[in-house]
Amino acid sequence: MADMKVFRDAVTVWAAGGPGDPARELAERFGVRTAVLLEGLSDAAAIEALAVRRGRDLAAEGSASCRWAVR
């Protein structure tokens, strides 16, 4: 789970206009195939709750939900 936090942080930096190489390298290392950018905490909570409800482990399936905000 800590690995996904590092990846999410790198994607957030990229989405805000920063470099994309760190996120790309982490995606390859962790086997992430899909990243979904979400606007807020409630969006992320809804996605995670739906995954749990359906018996899915998004990280194990190579998916990551990433919260970000334009500042």
N, C-alpha and C. Protein backbone atom coordinates (compact mmCIF):
# COMPACT_ATOMS: atom_id res chain seq x y z
N MET A 1 0.82 -1.19 0.00
CA MET A 1 0.00 0.00 0.00
C MET A 1 0.86 1.26 0.00
N ALA A 2 1.97 1.23 0.74
CA ALA A 2 2.87 2.38 0.76
C ALA A 2 3.44 2.63 -0.64
N ASP A 3 3.67 1.53 -1.40
CA ASP A 3 4.16 1.68 -2.76
C ASP A 3 3.17 2.46 -3.61
N MET A 4 1.88 2.16 -3.46
CA MET A 4 0.87 2.87 -4.23
C MET A 4 0.81 4.35 -3.84
N LYS A 5 1.06 4.67 -2.58
CA LYS A 5 1.07 6.08 -2.18
C LYS A 5 2.19 6.83 -2.90
N VAL A 6 3.35 6.21 -3.00
CA VAL A 6 4.47 6.83 -3.73
C VAL A 6 4.07 7.05 -5.18
N PHE A 7 3.43 6.05 -5.79
CA PHE A 7 2.98 6.19 -7.18
C PHE A 7 1.94 7.29 -7.30
N ARG A 8 0.96 7.30 -6.40
CA ARG A 8 -0.09 8.33 -6.44
C ARG A 8 0.51 9.72 -6.32
N ASP A 9 1.48 9.88 -5.43
CA ASP A 9 2.13 11.18 -5.27
C ASP A 9 2.84 11.60 -6.55
N ALA A 10 3.50 10.66 -7.21
CA ALA A 10 4.20 10.97 -8.47
C ALA A 10 3.21 11.35 -9.57
N VAL A 11 2.07 10.67 -9.63
CA VAL A 11 1.05 11.01 -10.63
C VAL A 11 0.47 12.39 -10.34
N THR A 12 0.27 12.71 -9.07
CA THR A 12 -0.25 14.02 -8.70
C THR A 12 0.70 15.12 -9.15
N VAL A 13 1.99 14.91 -8.97
CA VAL A 13 3.00 15.89 -9.42
C VAL A 13 2.91 16.04 -10.94
N TRP A 14 2.81 14.93 -11.66
CA TRP A 14 2.70 14.98 -13.12
C TRP A 14 1.43 15.72 -13.56
N ALA A 15 0.30 15.41 -12.92
CA ALA A 15 -0.98 16.03 -13.29
C ALA A 15 -0.96 17.53 -13.05
N ALA A 16 -0.16 17.98 -12.10
CA ALA A 16 -0.05 19.41 -11.80
C ALA A 16 0.97 20.11 -12.70
N GLY A 17 1.52 19.39 -13.67
CA GLY A 17 2.44 20.00 -14.62
C GLY A 17 3.90 19.66 -14.40
N GLY A 18 4.16 18.78 -13.45
CA GLY A 18 5.54 18.38 -13.16
C GLY A 18 6.01 17.28 -14.10
N PRO A 19 7.21 16.76 -13.85
CA PRO A 19 7.76 15.72 -14.71
C PRO A 19 6.98 14.41 -14.61
N GLY A 20 6.89 13.71 -15.73
CA GLY A 20 6.15 12.46 -15.76
C GLY A 20 7.00 11.21 -15.62
N ASP A 21 8.31 11.36 -15.78
CA ASP A 21 9.19 10.19 -15.73
C ASP A 21 9.09 9.40 -14.42
N PRO A 22 9.07 10.07 -13.25
CA PRO A 22 8.95 9.29 -12.01
C PRO A 22 7.67 8.43 -11.97
N ALA A 23 6.55 9.01 -12.38
CA ALA A 23 5.29 8.25 -12.38
C ALA A 23 5.36 7.09 -13.36
N ARG A 24 5.93 7.34 -14.51
CA ARG A 24 6.05 6.30 -15.54
C ARG A 24 6.93 5.14 -15.04
N GLU A 25 8.06 5.48 -14.43
CA GLU A 25 8.96 4.45 -13.91
C GLU A 25 8.30 3.64 -12.79
N LEU A 26 7.59 4.33 -11.90
CA LEU A 26 6.91 3.62 -10.81
C LEU A 26 5.78 2.74 -11.34
N ALA A 27 5.07 3.22 -12.36
CA ALA A 27 4.00 2.42 -12.95
C ALA A 27 4.56 1.11 -13.50
N GLU A 28 5.70 1.20 -14.16
CA GLU A 28 6.33 -0.01 -14.69
C GLU A 28 6.78 -0.93 -13.56
N ARG A 29 7.40 -0.35 -12.53
CA ARG A 29 7.91 -1.16 -11.41
C ARG A 29 6.79 -1.87 -10.66
N PHE A 30 5.65 -1.17 -10.46
CA PHE A 30 4.56 -1.73 -9.67
C PHE A 30 3.52 -2.46 -10.52
N GLY A 31 3.70 -2.47 -11.83
CA GLY A 31 2.76 -3.16 -12.71
C GLY A 31 1.43 -2.45 -12.86
N VAL A 32 1.44 -1.13 -12.72
CA VAL A 32 0.20 -0.36 -12.87
C VAL A 32 -0.11 -0.22 -14.36
N ARG A 33 -1.31 -0.63 -14.73
CA ARG A 33 -1.75 -0.54 -16.13
C ARG A 33 -2.73 0.60 -16.33
N THR A 34 -3.42 1.00 -15.26
CA THR A 34 -4.45 2.03 -15.35
C THR A 34 -4.35 2.95 -14.15
N ALA A 35 -4.42 4.25 -14.41
CA ALA A 35 -4.50 5.24 -13.33
C ALA A 35 -5.71 6.11 -13.60
N VAL A 36 -6.54 6.29 -12.60
CA VAL A 36 -7.74 7.11 -12.72
C VAL A 36 -7.55 8.34 -11.86
N LEU A 37 -7.59 9.53 -12.48
CA LEU A 37 -7.45 10.77 -11.74
C LEU A 37 -8.80 11.19 -11.20
N LEU A 38 -8.86 11.42 -9.90
CA LEU A 38 -10.10 11.79 -9.22
C LEU A 38 -9.93 13.15 -8.57
N GLU A 39 -11.02 13.90 -8.51
CA GLU A 39 -10.93 15.26 -8.00
C GLU A 39 -10.85 15.35 -6.49
N GLY A 40 -11.60 14.56 -5.79
CA GLY A 40 -11.64 14.76 -4.34
C GLY A 40 -11.62 13.47 -3.54
N LEU A 41 -11.59 13.67 -2.23
CA LEU A 41 -11.57 12.53 -1.32
C LEU A 41 -12.82 11.67 -1.44
N SER A 42 -13.97 12.31 -1.64
CA SER A 42 -15.21 11.53 -1.73
C SER A 42 -15.23 10.68 -3.00
N ASP A 43 -14.66 11.19 -4.08
CA ASP A 43 -14.57 10.40 -5.32
C ASP A 43 -13.70 9.17 -5.09
N ALA A 44 -12.55 9.37 -4.46
CA ALA A 44 -11.63 8.26 -4.20
C ALA A 44 -12.28 7.25 -3.26
N ALA A 45 -12.96 7.73 -2.24
CA ALA A 45 -13.62 6.83 -1.29
C ALA A 45 -14.70 6.01 -2.00
N ALA A 46 -15.43 6.64 -2.91
CA ALA A 46 -16.48 5.93 -3.64
C ALA A 46 -15.89 4.82 -4.52
N ILE A 47 -14.81 5.12 -5.21
CA ILE A 47 -14.17 4.11 -6.07
C ILE A 47 -13.65 2.94 -5.23
N GLU A 48 -12.97 3.27 -4.13
CA GLU A 48 -12.43 2.22 -3.26
C GLU A 48 -13.56 1.37 -2.66
N ALA A 49 -14.64 2.01 -2.21
CA ALA A 49 -15.76 1.28 -1.61
C ALA A 49 -16.42 0.37 -2.64
N LEU A 50 -16.59 0.86 -3.85
CA LEU A 50 -17.20 0.04 -4.90
C LEU A 50 -16.32 -1.17 -5.22
N ALA A 51 -15.02 -0.95 -5.27
CA ALA A 51 -14.11 -2.07 -5.53
C ALA A 51 -14.21 -3.13 -4.44
N VAL A 52 -14.20 -2.69 -3.19
CA VAL A 52 -14.32 -3.63 -2.06
C VAL A 52 -15.64 -4.38 -2.13
N ARG A 53 -16.70 -3.64 -2.42
CA ARG A 53 -18.04 -4.24 -2.49
C ARG A 53 -18.11 -5.33 -3.56
N ARG A 54 -17.36 -5.13 -4.62
CA ARG A 54 -17.36 -6.12 -5.71
C ARG A 54 -16.24 -7.15 -5.57
N GLY A 55 -15.53 -7.10 -4.44
CA GLY A 55 -14.48 -8.08 -4.19
C GLY A 55 -13.24 -7.87 -5.04
N ARG A 56 -12.98 -6.64 -5.41
CA ARG A 56 -11.84 -6.34 -6.28
C ARG A 56 -10.71 -5.73 -5.47
N ASP A 57 -9.49 -6.04 -5.84
CA ASP A 57 -8.29 -5.44 -5.26
C ASP A 57 -7.63 -4.66 -6.39
N LEU A 58 -7.92 -3.37 -6.46
CA LEU A 58 -7.46 -2.57 -7.59
C LEU A 58 -5.94 -2.57 -7.73
N ALA A 59 -5.23 -2.45 -6.61
CA ALA A 59 -3.76 -2.43 -6.68
C ALA A 59 -3.23 -3.75 -7.25
N ALA A 60 -3.79 -4.86 -6.80
CA ALA A 60 -3.35 -6.17 -7.29
C ALA A 60 -3.68 -6.36 -8.77
N GLU A 61 -4.71 -5.65 -9.24
CA GLU A 61 -5.12 -5.75 -10.64
C GLU A 61 -4.38 -4.76 -11.53
N GLY A 62 -3.48 -3.97 -10.94
CA GLY A 62 -2.70 -3.01 -11.73
C GLY A 62 -3.41 -1.70 -11.96
N SER A 63 -4.33 -1.33 -11.07
CA SER A 63 -5.05 -0.06 -11.19
C SER A 63 -4.77 0.79 -9.97
N ALA A 64 -4.76 2.10 -10.17
CA ALA A 64 -4.57 3.02 -9.05
C ALA A 64 -5.49 4.22 -9.25
N SER A 65 -6.15 4.62 -8.18
CA SER A 65 -6.93 5.86 -8.23
C SER A 65 -6.08 6.94 -7.58
N CYS A 66 -5.99 8.08 -8.24
CA CYS A 66 -5.10 9.16 -7.80
C CYS A 66 -5.90 10.44 -7.62
N ARG A 67 -5.88 10.98 -6.41
CA ARG A 67 -6.56 12.25 -6.16
C ARG A 67 -5.63 13.38 -6.57
N TRP A 68 -6.21 14.42 -7.13
CA TRP A 68 -5.41 15.59 -7.44
C TRP A 68 -6.31 16.81 -7.44
N ALA A 69 -5.71 17.93 -7.30
CA ALA A 69 -6.46 19.19 -7.32
C ALA A 69 -5.62 20.24 -8.03
N VAL A 70 -6.26 21.04 -8.84
CA VAL A 70 -5.58 22.14 -9.51
C VAL A 70 -5.50 23.29 -8.53
N ARG A 71 -4.33 23.83 -8.37
CA ARG A 71 -4.15 24.94 -7.42
C ARG A 71 -3.83 26.21 -8.13
